[in-house]
Amino acid sequence: MEVLMSVGLGLGLAAACGFRVFVPFLAMSIASRAGHLDLSERFDWIASDVALGVLALATVLEIGSYYVPWLDNLLDTVATPAAVVAGTVAAAATFQGTSPLLGWTLAAIGGGGAAGVLQTGTTLLRGLSSISTAGFGNPILSTAEAGGAASLASLALLLPLVALLVVMTLVLTTGVKTARFLGAREQRRSEMHRAA
């Protein structure tokens, strides 16, 4: 049960990286400093004074930057690979009771994968919002993403098994919808190419 709780915690925090990269790390730093979170070996630095300050500043800058009309789309190109790396690190920092090889493998596949799927979904959604609302809908999306990151990180810290179920649902739903969207887009391109 302890391993399952650790996996739920790690994957919940990792998936939150798919919404915002720094929010889960700030939550981890605060929770670790409060004695609510035990970090894996070599990740104690997350609870340091310097890390807390840097993560707080990075979180404010990241959230604020997504409210700048053209910058939000530009950030998504950088945030996608960053979310995968951050998701991997967040998961690895919290996995307890596993060998390092198994922990990093689970972190890379599960944590990085969950963060990558959710970030890809939000990137596509932001692109659709930019096209359909001329960018005016993007602040609403940015607020939802920041709220999603904070909520999912909090849920992972407080109720890791519930967070695991939420992550599985989010990843499955986002993955299916993204695949359908990309498939439909490719089909439209093929039809247009044949018609021309």
C-alpha atoms as a PDB file:
ATOM      1  CA  MET A   1       0.000   0.000   0.000  1.00  0.00           C
ATOM      2  CA  GLU A   2       2.911   2.328   0.775  1.00  0.00           C
ATOM      3  CA  VAL A   3       4.329   1.852  -2.728  1.00  0.00           C
ATOM      4  CA  LEU A   4       0.925   2.586  -4.268  1.00  0.00           C
ATOM      5  CA  MET A   5       0.639   5.772  -2.172  1.00  0.00           C
ATOM      6  CA  SER A   6       4.115   6.778  -3.307  1.00  0.00           C
ATOM      7  CA  VAL A   7       3.187   6.167  -6.951  1.00  0.00           C
ATOM      8  CA  GLY A   8      -0.032   8.174  -6.544  1.00  0.00           C
ATOM      9  CA  LEU A   9       1.896  11.031  -4.966  1.00  0.00           C
ATOM     10  CA  GLY A  10       4.601  10.988  -7.631  1.00  0.00           C
ATOM     11  CA  LEU A  11       2.292  10.692 -10.612  1.00  0.00           C
ATOM     12  CA  GLY A  12      -0.073  13.330  -9.209  1.00  0.00           C
ATOM     13  CA  LEU A  13       2.743  15.842  -8.829  1.00  0.00           C
ATOM     14  CA  ALA A  14       4.184  14.858 -12.206  1.00  0.00           C
ATOM     15  CA  ALA A  15       0.858  15.301 -13.977  1.00  0.00           C
ATOM     16  CA  ALA A  16       0.497  18.743 -12.373  1.00  0.00           C
ATOM     17  CA  CYS A  17       3.727  19.647 -14.204  1.00  0.00           C
ATOM     18  CA  GLY A  18       1.733  19.194 -17.411  1.00  0.00           C
ATOM     19  CA  PHE A  19      -0.342  22.236 -16.431  1.00  0.00           C
ATOM     20  CA  ARG A  20       2.438  24.388 -14.948  1.00  0.00           C
ATOM     21  CA  VAL A  21       6.054  23.293 -14.534  1.00  0.00           C
ATOM     22  CA  PHE A  22       6.963  25.076 -11.293  1.00  0.00           C
ATOM     23  CA  VAL A  23       3.729  24.912  -9.253  1.00  0.00           C
ATOM     24  CA  PRO A  24       4.190  21.253  -8.173  1.00  0.00           C
ATOM     25  CA  PHE A  25       7.808  21.881  -7.160  1.00  0.00           C
ATOM     26  CA  LEU A  26       6.761  24.856  -5.044  1.00  0.00           C
ATOM     27  CA  ALA A  27       4.098  22.667  -3.415  1.00  0.00           C
ATOM     28  CA  MET A  28       6.718  19.961  -2.815  1.00  0.00           C
ATOM     29  CA  SER A  29       9.092  22.482  -1.244  1.00  0.00           C
ATOM     30  CA  ILE A  30       6.424  23.855   1.090  1.00  0.00           C
ATOM     31  CA  ALA A  31       5.134  20.382   2.022  1.00  0.00           C
ATOM     32  CA  SER A  32       8.639  19.067   2.678  1.00  0.00           C
ATOM     33  CA  ARG A  33       9.531  22.065   4.852  1.00  0.00           C
ATOM     34  CA  ALA A  34       6.290  21.546   6.812  1.00  0.00           C
ATOM     35  CA  GLY A  35       7.192  17.900   7.422  1.00  0.00           C
ATOM     36  CA  HIS A  36       4.323  16.589   5.302  1.00  0.00           C
ATOM     37  CA  LEU A  37       6.474  15.181   2.484  1.00  0.00           C
ATOM     38  CA  ASP A  38       9.497  12.916   2.653  1.00  0.00           C
ATOM     39  CA  LEU A  39      11.619  13.358  -0.447  1.00  0.00           C
ATOM     40  CA  SER A  40      13.783  10.627  -1.934  1.00  0.00           C
ATOM     41  CA  GLU A  41      17.518  10.754  -1.393  1.00  0.00           C
ATOM     42  CA  ARG A  42      19.333  13.453  -3.375  1.00  0.00           C
ATOM     43  CA  PHE A  43      16.183  15.607  -3.551  1.00  0.00           C
ATOM     44  CA  ASP A  44      16.457  17.296  -0.146  1.00  0.00           C
ATOM     45  CA  TRP A  45      17.564  20.463  -1.939  1.00  0.00           C
ATOM     46  CA  ILE A  46      13.910  21.051  -2.926  1.00  0.00           C
ATOM     47  CA  ALA A  47      13.180  21.968   0.714  1.00  0.00           C
ATOM     48  CA  SER A  48      16.089  24.423   1.052  1.00  0.00           C
ATOM     49  CA  ASP A  49      15.584  28.154   1.601  1.00  0.00           C
ATOM     50  CA  VAL A  50      17.176  28.958  -1.749  1.00  0.00           C
ATOM     51  CA  ALA A  51      15.017  26.447  -3.624  1.00  0.00           C
ATOM     52  CA  LEU A  52      11.862  27.766  -1.951  1.00  0.00           C
ATOM     53  CA  GLY A  53      12.704  31.329  -2.991  1.00  0.00           C
ATOM     54  CA  VAL A  54      13.655  30.381  -6.539  1.00  0.00           C
ATOM     55  CA  LEU A  55      10.602  28.144  -6.977  1.00  0.00           C
ATOM     56  CA  ALA A  56       8.259  30.836  -5.638  1.00  0.00           C
ATOM     57  CA  LEU A  57       9.699  33.409  -8.049  1.00  0.00           C
ATOM     58  CA  ALA A  58       9.670  30.961 -10.973  1.00  0.00           C
ATOM     59  CA  THR A  59       6.045  30.043 -10.221  1.00  0.00           C
ATOM     60  CA  VAL A  60       4.920  33.683 -10.172  1.00  0.00           C
ATOM     61  CA  LEU A  61       6.812  34.433 -13.406  1.00  0.00           C
ATOM     62  CA  GLU A  62       5.500  31.318 -15.152  1.00  0.00           C
ATOM     63  CA  ILE A  63       1.876  31.938 -14.205  1.00  0.00           C
ATOM     64  CA  GLY A  64       2.110  35.646 -15.058  1.00  0.00           C
ATOM     65  CA  SER A  65       3.787  34.997 -18.406  1.00  0.00           C
ATOM     66  CA  TYR A  66       0.866  32.907 -19.609  1.00  0.00           C
ATOM     67  CA  TYR A  67      -1.354  36.010 -19.436  1.00  0.00           C
ATOM     68  CA  VAL A  68       0.743  37.835 -22.068  1.00  0.00           C
ATOM     69  CA  PRO A  69      -1.105  37.290 -25.389  1.00  0.00           C
ATOM     70  CA  TRP A  70       1.693  36.166 -27.726  1.00  0.00           C
ATOM     71  CA  LEU A  71       4.043  34.868 -25.034  1.00  0.00           C
ATOM     72  CA  ASP A  72       1.653  32.112 -23.913  1.00  0.00           C
ATOM     73  CA  ASN A  73       1.868  30.324 -27.261  1.00  0.00           C
ATOM     74  CA  LEU A  74       5.640  30.769 -27.381  1.00  0.00           C
ATOM     75  CA  LEU A  75       5.982  29.353 -23.863  1.00  0.00           C
ATOM     76  CA  ASP A  76       4.060  26.239 -24.863  1.00  0.00           C
ATOM     77  CA  THR A  77       6.853  25.279 -27.283  1.00  0.00           C
ATOM     78  CA  VAL A  78       9.357  25.357 -24.419  1.00  0.00           C
ATOM     79  CA  ALA A  79       6.978  24.061 -21.759  1.00  0.00           C
ATOM     80  CA  THR A  80       6.228  20.775 -23.509  1.00  0.00           C
ATOM     81  CA  PRO A  81       9.711  19.234 -23.197  1.00  0.00           C
ATOM     82  CA  ALA A  82      10.213  21.024 -19.861  1.00  0.00           C
ATOM     83  CA  ALA A  83       7.012  19.450 -18.513  1.00  0.00           C
ATOM     84  CA  VAL A  84       8.232  15.960 -19.441  1.00  0.00           C
ATOM     85  CA  VAL A  85      11.551  16.517 -17.655  1.00  0.00           C
ATOM     86  CA  ALA A  86       9.861  18.183 -14.665  1.00  0.00           C
ATOM     87  CA  GLY A  87       7.293  15.387 -14.437  1.00  0.00           C
ATOM     88  CA  THR A  88      10.064  12.807 -14.421  1.00  0.00           C
ATOM     89  CA  VAL A  89      11.995  14.635 -11.689  1.00  0.00           C
ATOM     90  CA  ALA A  90       8.878  15.296  -9.565  1.00  0.00           C
ATOM     91  CA  ALA A  91       7.921  11.632  -9.668  1.00  0.00           C
ATOM     92  CA  ALA A  92      11.463  10.428  -8.950  1.00  0.00           C
ATOM     93  CA  ALA A  93      11.732  12.806  -5.989  1.00  0.00           C
ATOM     94  CA  THR A  94       8.735  11.227  -4.286  1.00  0.00           C
ATOM     95  CA  PHE A  95       8.927   7.526  -5.135  1.00  0.00           C
ATOM     96  CA  GLN A  96       9.750   5.647  -1.944  1.00  0.00           C
ATOM     97  CA  GLY A  97      10.399   1.960  -1.394  1.00  0.00           C
ATOM     98  CA  THR A  98      11.631   1.165  -4.898  1.00  0.00           C
ATOM     99  CA  SER A  99      15.056   0.481  -6.321  1.00  0.00           C
ATOM    100  CA  PRO A 100      16.663   3.472  -8.076  1.00  0.00           C
ATOM    101  CA  LEU A 101      16.367   1.744 -11.466  1.00  0.00           C
ATOM    102  CA  LEU A 102      12.682   0.965 -10.997  1.00  0.00           C
ATOM    103  CA  GLY A 103      12.016   4.404  -9.505  1.00  0.00           C
ATOM    104  CA  TRP A 104      13.605   6.294 -12.398  1.00  0.00           C
ATOM    105  CA  THR A 105      11.975   3.997 -14.962  1.00  0.00           C
ATOM    106  CA  LEU A 106       8.536   4.574 -13.438  1.00  0.00           C
ATOM    107  CA  ALA A 107       9.289   8.284 -13.166  1.00  0.00           C
ATOM    108  CA  ALA A 108      10.340   8.599 -16.808  1.00  0.00           C
ATOM    109  CA  ILE A 109       7.488   6.555 -18.237  1.00  0.00           C
ATOM    110  CA  GLY A 110       4.692   7.418 -15.812  1.00  0.00           C
ATOM    111  CA  GLY A 111       5.670  10.866 -14.580  1.00  0.00           C
ATOM    112  CA  GLY A 112       7.171  12.224 -17.774  1.00  0.00           C
ATOM    113  CA  GLY A 113       4.460  10.565 -19.834  1.00  0.00           C
ATOM    114  CA  ALA A 114       1.586  11.976 -17.763  1.00  0.00           C
ATOM    115  CA  ALA A 115       3.072  15.477 -17.802  1.00  0.00           C
ATOM    116  CA  GLY A 116       3.729  15.251 -21.544  1.00  0.00           C
ATOM    117  CA  VAL A 117       0.214  14.084 -22.412  1.00  0.00           C
ATOM    118  CA  LEU A 118      -1.443  16.817 -20.346  1.00  0.00           C
ATOM    119  CA  GLN A 119       0.913  19.519 -21.643  1.00  0.00           C
ATOM    120  CA  THR A 120       0.273  18.425 -25.237  1.00  0.00           C
ATOM    121  CA  GLY A 121      -3.463  18.609 -24.614  1.00  0.00           C
ATOM    122  CA  THR A 122      -3.251  22.106 -23.138  1.00  0.00           C
ATOM    123  CA  THR A 123      -1.001  23.240 -25.994  1.00  0.00           C
ATOM    124  CA  LEU A 124      -3.556  22.088 -28.565  1.00  0.00           C
ATOM    125  CA  LEU A 125      -6.357  23.687 -26.567  1.00  0.00           C
ATOM    126  CA  ARG A 126      -4.450  26.983 -26.402  1.00  0.00           C
ATOM    127  CA  GLY A 127      -3.871  26.853 -30.152  1.00  0.00           C
ATOM    128  CA  LEU A 128      -7.582  26.319 -30.764  1.00  0.00           C
ATOM    129  CA  SER A 129      -8.407  29.135 -28.350  1.00  0.00           C
ATOM    130  CA  SER A 130      -5.961  31.461 -30.091  1.00  0.00           C
ATOM    131  CA  ILE A 131      -7.528  30.735 -33.473  1.00  0.00           C
ATOM    132  CA  SER A 132     -11.182  30.764 -32.439  1.00  0.00           C
ATOM    133  CA  THR A 133     -11.074  33.725 -30.012  1.00  0.00           C
ATOM    134  CA  ALA A 134      -8.110  35.676 -31.441  1.00  0.00           C
ATOM    135  CA  GLY A 135      -6.363  34.987 -28.124  1.00  0.00           C
ATOM    136  CA  PHE A 136      -9.042  36.610 -25.962  1.00  0.00           C
ATOM    137  CA  GLY A 137     -10.001  33.239 -24.451  1.00  0.00           C
ATOM    138  CA  ASN A 138      -6.428  32.354 -23.516  1.00  0.00           C
ATOM    139  CA  PRO A 139      -6.463  34.085 -20.081  1.00  0.00           C
ATOM    140  CA  ILE A 140      -9.399  31.888 -19.080  1.00  0.00           C
ATOM    141  CA  LEU A 141      -7.435  28.830 -20.173  1.00  0.00           C
ATOM    142  CA  SER A 142      -4.333  30.092 -18.332  1.00  0.00           C
ATOM    143  CA  THR A 143      -6.334  30.513 -15.135  1.00  0.00           C
ATOM    144  CA  ALA A 144      -7.768  27.001 -15.471  1.00  0.00           C
ATOM    145  CA  GLU A 145      -4.294  25.542 -16.059  1.00  0.00           C
ATOM    146  CA  ALA A 146      -2.786  27.294 -13.030  1.00  0.00           C
ATOM    147  CA  GLY A 147      -5.748  26.192 -10.917  1.00  0.00           C
ATOM    148  CA  GLY A 148      -5.422  22.661 -12.259  1.00  0.00           C
ATOM    149  CA  ALA A 149      -1.730  22.542 -11.366  1.00  0.00           C
ATOM    150  CA  ALA A 150      -2.339  23.807  -7.826  1.00  0.00           C
ATOM    151  CA  SER A 151      -5.362  21.559  -7.278  1.00  0.00           C
ATOM    152  CA  LEU A 152      -3.701  18.418  -8.611  1.00  0.00           C
ATOM    153  CA  ALA A 153      -0.492  19.054  -6.650  1.00  0.00           C
ATOM    154  CA  SER A 154      -2.523  19.604  -3.457  1.00  0.00           C
ATOM    155  CA  LEU A 155      -4.622  16.512  -4.099  1.00  0.00           C
ATOM    156  CA  ALA A 156      -1.480  14.434  -4.654  1.00  0.00           C
ATOM    157  CA  LEU A 157      -0.022  15.628  -1.358  1.00  0.00           C
ATOM    158  CA  LEU A 158      -3.226  15.120   0.635  1.00  0.00           C
ATOM    159  CA  LEU A 159      -4.929  12.132  -1.040  1.00  0.00           C
ATOM    160  CA  PRO A 160      -2.415  10.346  -3.277  1.00  0.00           C
ATOM    161  CA  LEU A 161      -4.680   7.417  -4.187  1.00  0.00           C
ATOM    162  CA  VAL A 162      -7.463   9.767  -5.282  1.00  0.00           C
ATOM    163  CA  ALA A 163      -4.864  11.759  -7.218  1.00  0.00           C
ATOM    164  CA  LEU A 164      -3.768   8.556  -8.960  1.00  0.00           C
ATOM    165  CA  LEU A 165      -7.339   7.920 -10.134  1.00  0.00           C
ATOM    166  CA  VAL A 166      -7.694  11.535 -11.289  1.00  0.00           C
ATOM    167  CA  VAL A 167      -4.393  11.356 -13.185  1.00  0.00           C
ATOM    168  CA  MET A 168      -5.352   8.105 -14.886  1.00  0.00           C
ATOM    169  CA  THR A 169      -8.678   9.639 -15.939  1.00  0.00           C
ATOM    170  CA  LEU A 170      -7.084  12.888 -17.143  1.00  0.00           C
ATOM    171  CA  VAL A 171      -4.327  11.153 -19.097  1.00  0.00           C
ATOM    172  CA  LEU A 172      -6.710   8.685 -20.728  1.00  0.00           C
ATOM    173  CA  THR A 173      -9.266  11.365 -21.627  1.00  0.00           C
ATOM    174  CA  THR A 174      -6.645  13.816 -22.884  1.00  0.00           C
ATOM    175  CA  GLY A 175      -4.823  11.123 -24.842  1.00  0.00           C
ATOM    176  CA  VAL A 176      -7.986   9.911 -26.579  1.00  0.00           C
ATOM    177  CA  LYS A 177      -9.211  13.440 -27.382  1.00  0.00           C
ATOM    178  CA  THR A 178      -5.777  14.484 -28.663  1.00  0.00           C
ATOM    179  CA  ALA A 179      -5.511  11.399 -30.871  1.00  0.00           C
ATOM    180  CA  ARG A 180      -9.001  12.014 -32.272  1.00  0.00           C
ATOM    181  CA  PHE A 181      -8.236  15.679 -32.929  1.00  0.00           C
ATOM    182  CA  LEU A 182      -4.961  14.913 -34.683  1.00  0.00           C
ATOM    183  CA  GLY A 183      -6.562  12.082 -36.669  1.00  0.00           C
ATOM    184  CA  ALA A 184      -9.424  14.304 -37.826  1.00  0.00           C
ATOM    185  CA  ARG A 185      -6.998  17.062 -38.766  1.00  0.00           C
ATOM    186  CA  GLU A 186      -4.889  14.649 -40.807  1.00  0.00           C
ATOM    187  CA  GLN A 187      -7.999  13.298 -42.528  1.00  0.00           C
ATOM    188  CA  ARG A 188      -9.069  16.848 -43.493  1.00  0.00           C
ATOM    189  CA  ARG A 189      -5.606  17.525 -44.900  1.00  0.00           C
ATOM    190  CA  SER A 190      -5.720  14.316 -46.941  1.00  0.00           C
ATOM    191  CA  GLU A 191      -9.156  15.181 -48.312  1.00  0.00           C
ATOM    192  CA  MET A 192      -8.031  18.697 -49.227  1.00  0.00           C
ATOM    193  CA  HIS A 193      -4.922  17.309 -50.909  1.00  0.00           C
ATOM    194  CA  ARG A 194      -6.973  14.833 -52.959  1.00  0.00           C
ATOM    195  CA  ALA A 195      -9.464  17.539 -53.948  1.00  0.00           C
ATOM    196  CA  ALA A 196      -6.692  19.834 -55.182  1.00  0.00           C
END
